[in-house]
Amino acid sequence: MTAGAASPAGVQVILASTSASRNALLRAAGVSFDAIAPGVDEDAAKAALQGEGATPRDIADALAELKAVRVSRRNPDALVIGADSTLDLDGALIGKAADVDEARQRLRALRGRSYKLHSGVVAARDGQPIWREVSTSTLKMRDISDAFLEDYLARQGEAVLSSVGCFHLEGEGVQLFERVDGDYFGILGLPLIGLLDLLRRHGALPI
């Protein structure tokens, strides 16, 4: 999938993700880039990392690096961006819901509670990570009613499955929350401010 040509300075930027939200964030920020699926077995990688005692924050960082490095090895001259987000409920890693029924159970379990969302982003070049950032936000879900939950799921359908928290903050998902503390872009899946600074320093964006 191609979202744009090389930057004016000739630096090719690749997003190692086909996530619609991450693609949209970079496009809206005016970045020219190509999007390539990293081909990473995320479930296997998470299981291995958990077996080593990695925290949800560590896992977001490690998976972002794995994706960036995997694509960078195939495109050594490009600046490759990898990203991953994890939901941290009292230190426990919560994965994406497999279907709408699981999303319903997830949202019921989270209502009235606070949790952390870790968004890791890593840039790689020549097969090596050169920059990284992990943004951690805290979200408190309001104590939504069963009626609201059912109406929400009926309107959103399987779209909720693309987000680890079963919501999109830029859409109706914002109604789920009582309080949100953290980086807005990080919650959407791609911490942008530091990343844009990196792209400027490497000539992929004008200063």
Protein backbone atom coordinates (compact mmCIF):
# COMPACT_ATOMS: atom_id res chain seq x y z
CA MET A 1 0.00 0.00 0.00
CA THR A 2 1.46 3.35 -0.98
CA ALA A 3 0.43 6.54 0.78
CA GLY A 4 2.89 8.88 -0.92
CA ALA A 5 6.16 9.29 -2.75
CA ALA A 6 9.59 9.77 -1.25
CA SER A 7 10.18 12.96 0.68
CA PRO A 8 11.56 16.04 -1.12
CA ALA A 9 15.03 15.19 0.21
CA GLY A 10 14.80 11.70 -1.26
CA VAL A 11 14.44 9.93 2.08
CA GLN A 12 12.03 7.01 1.81
CA VAL A 13 9.80 6.60 4.85
CA ILE A 14 8.07 3.27 5.45
CA LEU A 15 5.39 2.59 8.03
CA ALA A 16 5.70 -1.07 9.04
CA SER A 17 1.96 -1.34 9.55
CA THR A 18 -1.26 -1.50 7.57
CA SER A 19 -3.26 -0.12 10.52
CA ALA A 20 -5.85 2.29 9.16
CA SER A 21 -5.52 4.66 12.14
CA ARG A 22 -1.72 4.85 11.99
CA ASN A 23 -1.81 5.40 8.24
CA ALA A 24 -4.39 8.15 8.68
CA LEU A 25 -2.34 9.90 11.38
CA LEU A 26 0.80 10.04 9.22
CA ARG A 27 -1.13 11.16 6.14
CA ALA A 28 -2.90 13.91 8.09
CA ALA A 29 0.48 15.12 9.39
CA GLY A 30 1.69 15.58 5.82
CA VAL A 31 4.21 12.72 5.76
CA SER A 32 4.96 10.97 2.45
CA PHE A 33 5.40 7.27 3.13
CA ASP A 34 4.82 3.71 2.01
CA ALA A 35 2.96 1.24 4.24
CA ILE A 36 4.18 -2.35 4.37
CA ALA A 37 2.83 -5.18 6.51
CA PRO A 38 5.67 -6.34 8.78
CA GLY A 39 4.77 -10.02 8.64
CA VAL A 40 5.20 -10.52 12.39
CA ASP A 41 3.35 -13.21 14.35
CA GLU A 42 2.31 -10.87 17.16
CA ASP A 43 0.61 -13.52 19.28
CA ALA A 44 3.70 -15.73 19.29
CA ALA A 45 5.97 -12.77 20.00
CA LYS A 46 3.78 -11.60 22.90
CA ALA A 47 3.64 -15.10 24.37
CA ALA A 48 7.43 -15.39 24.22
CA LEU A 49 7.91 -11.98 25.82
CA GLN A 50 5.41 -12.72 28.57
CA GLY A 51 7.24 -15.98 29.22
CA GLU A 52 10.37 -13.91 29.83
CA GLY A 53 8.50 -11.71 32.31
CA ALA A 54 8.14 -8.65 30.08
CA THR A 55 5.67 -5.99 31.23
CA PRO A 56 2.92 -4.65 28.94
CA ARG A 57 5.05 -1.52 28.40
CA ASP A 58 8.08 -3.63 27.48
CA ILE A 59 5.96 -5.64 25.04
CA ALA A 60 4.72 -2.52 23.21
CA ASP A 61 8.32 -1.36 22.83
CA ALA A 62 9.65 -4.77 21.78
CA LEU A 63 6.95 -5.39 19.18
CA ALA A 64 7.41 -1.92 17.70
CA GLU A 65 11.13 -2.68 17.33
CA LEU A 66 10.48 -6.13 15.88
CA LYS A 67 8.21 -4.69 13.19
CA ALA A 68 10.56 -1.83 12.31
CA VAL A 69 13.67 -4.02 12.14
CA ARG A 70 11.92 -6.76 10.14
CA VAL A 71 10.90 -4.33 7.39
CA SER A 72 14.17 -2.36 7.61
CA ARG A 73 16.22 -5.46 6.79
CA ARG A 74 14.31 -5.73 3.52
CA ASN A 75 14.59 -1.97 2.86
CA PRO A 76 17.98 -0.95 4.31
CA ASP A 77 18.09 2.58 2.87
CA ALA A 78 14.65 3.57 4.13
CA LEU A 79 13.65 5.07 7.45
CA VAL A 80 11.23 2.47 8.81
CA ILE A 81 8.67 3.13 11.55
CA GLY A 82 7.25 0.32 13.67
CA ALA A 83 4.52 0.76 16.27
CA ASP A 84 2.50 -1.28 18.74
CA SER A 85 0.00 -0.62 21.53
CA THR A 86 -0.78 -2.67 24.61
CA LEU A 87 -3.53 -2.42 27.21
CA ASP A 88 -2.30 -2.74 30.78
CA LEU A 89 -4.92 -3.57 33.41
CA ASP A 90 -3.23 -3.58 36.81
CA GLY A 91 -0.07 -4.98 35.23
CA ALA A 92 -1.83 -7.65 33.17
CA LEU A 93 -1.61 -7.59 29.36
CA ILE A 94 -5.04 -7.50 27.71
CA GLY A 95 -5.15 -8.49 24.03
CA LYS A 96 -7.56 -7.56 21.25
CA ALA A 97 -11.03 -9.07 21.39
CA ALA A 98 -11.53 -11.90 18.91
CA ASP A 99 -15.19 -11.12 18.24
CA VAL A 100 -17.99 -8.77 19.28
CA ASP A 101 -19.07 -11.07 22.12
CA GLU A 102 -15.59 -10.92 23.60
CA ALA A 103 -15.58 -7.13 23.10
CA ARG A 104 -18.82 -6.98 25.10
CA GLN A 105 -17.27 -8.95 27.94
CA ARG A 106 -14.14 -6.78 27.79
CA LEU A 107 -16.05 -3.53 28.05
CA ARG A 108 -18.19 -4.85 30.88
CA ALA A 109 -15.05 -5.80 32.78
CA LEU A 110 -13.46 -2.38 32.19
CA ARG A 111 -16.37 -0.10 33.01
CA GLY A 112 -15.75 2.07 36.03
CA ARG A 113 -12.05 1.12 36.03
CA SER A 114 -8.79 2.78 35.06
CA TYR A 115 -6.17 1.20 32.86
CA LYS A 116 -3.02 2.17 31.03
CA LEU A 117 -2.44 2.20 27.28
CA HIS A 118 1.19 1.93 26.16
CA SER A 119 2.03 2.98 22.60
CA GLY A 120 5.54 2.17 21.43
CA VAL A 121 7.14 3.54 18.28
CA VAL A 122 10.60 2.63 16.96
CA ALA A 123 12.47 3.90 13.91
CA ALA A 124 15.01 1.65 12.21
CA ARG A 125 17.56 2.08 9.45
CA ASP A 126 19.87 -0.49 7.89
CA GLY A 127 18.22 -3.17 9.99
CA GLN A 128 19.00 -1.46 13.32
CA PRO A 129 16.80 0.59 15.67
CA ILE A 130 17.94 4.22 15.82
CA TRP A 131 15.19 5.87 17.88
CA ARG A 132 12.33 4.86 20.15
CA GLU A 133 9.58 6.25 22.35
CA VAL A 134 6.86 4.74 24.52
CA SER A 135 3.87 6.90 25.36
CA THR A 136 1.80 5.79 28.37
CA SER A 137 -1.71 7.15 28.90
CA THR A 138 -4.21 6.46 31.65
CA LEU A 139 -7.88 6.10 30.76
CA LYS A 140 -10.80 5.78 33.15
CA MET A 141 -13.88 4.25 31.64
CA ARG A 142 -17.18 5.53 32.96
CA ASP A 143 -19.70 3.13 34.43
CA ILE A 144 -21.70 2.74 31.22
CA SER A 145 -25.13 1.12 31.31
CA ASP A 146 -25.90 -2.18 29.64
CA ALA A 147 -28.25 -0.35 27.30
CA PHE A 148 -25.52 2.08 26.21
CA LEU A 149 -23.08 -0.80 25.72
CA GLU A 150 -25.47 -2.73 23.50
CA ASP A 151 -26.32 0.33 21.42
CA TYR A 152 -22.62 1.17 21.08
CA LEU A 153 -21.73 -2.32 19.89
CA ALA A 154 -24.69 -2.41 17.50
CA ARG A 155 -23.50 0.83 15.87
CA GLN A 156 -19.78 0.02 15.85
CA GLY A 157 -19.92 -3.70 15.05
CA GLU A 158 -16.63 -5.36 14.18
CA ALA A 159 -14.87 -1.99 13.95
CA VAL A 160 -14.23 -2.27 17.71
CA LEU A 161 -12.03 -5.33 17.08
CA SER A 162 -9.28 -3.25 15.47
CA SER A 163 -8.52 -1.52 18.79
CA VAL A 164 -7.09 -3.24 21.84
CA GLY A 165 -9.50 -1.26 24.02
CA CYS A 166 -12.51 -1.81 21.72
CA PHE A 167 -12.82 1.92 20.98
CA HIS A 168 -11.64 4.70 18.69
CA LEU A 169 -11.12 7.86 20.68
CA GLU A 170 -11.48 10.03 17.56
CA GLY A 171 -15.02 8.65 17.11
CA GLU A 172 -17.92 7.56 19.29
CA GLY A 173 -15.52 5.65 21.54
CA VAL A 174 -14.77 8.90 23.36
CA GLN A 175 -18.18 8.52 25.02
CA LEU A 176 -16.91 5.50 26.95
CA PHE A 177 -14.62 7.57 29.14
CA GLU A 178 -14.84 9.62 32.30
CA ARG A 179 -11.21 10.77 32.15
CA VAL A 180 -8.30 10.53 29.73
CA ASP A 181 -4.75 11.52 30.71
CA GLY A 182 -1.95 11.25 28.18
CA ASP A 183 -0.87 11.81 24.61
CA TYR A 184 -3.86 11.90 22.26
CA PHE A 185 -1.84 10.62 19.30
CA GLY A 186 -0.36 7.86 21.42
CA ILE A 187 -3.84 6.70 22.36
CA LEU A 188 -4.69 6.56 18.66
CA GLY A 189 -1.66 4.28 18.20
CA LEU A 190 1.22 6.45 17.03
CA PRO A 191 2.95 9.05 19.24
CA LEU A 192 3.51 11.77 16.66
CA ILE A 193 5.34 14.77 18.13
CA GLY A 194 8.67 13.06 18.79
CA LEU A 195 8.35 11.02 15.61
CA LEU A 196 7.88 14.12 13.46
CA ASP A 197 10.96 15.66 15.06
CA LEU A 198 12.94 12.54 14.14
CA LEU A 199 11.71 12.72 10.54
CA ARG A 200 12.82 16.36 10.33
CA ARG A 201 16.27 15.53 11.72
CA HIS A 202 16.70 12.81 9.09
CA GLY A 203 15.60 15.01 6.22
CA ALA A 204 12.26 13.33 5.62
CA LEU A 205 10.34 16.51 6.51
CA PRO A 206 11.22 20.19 6.06
CA ILE A 207 12.64 22.02 9.07
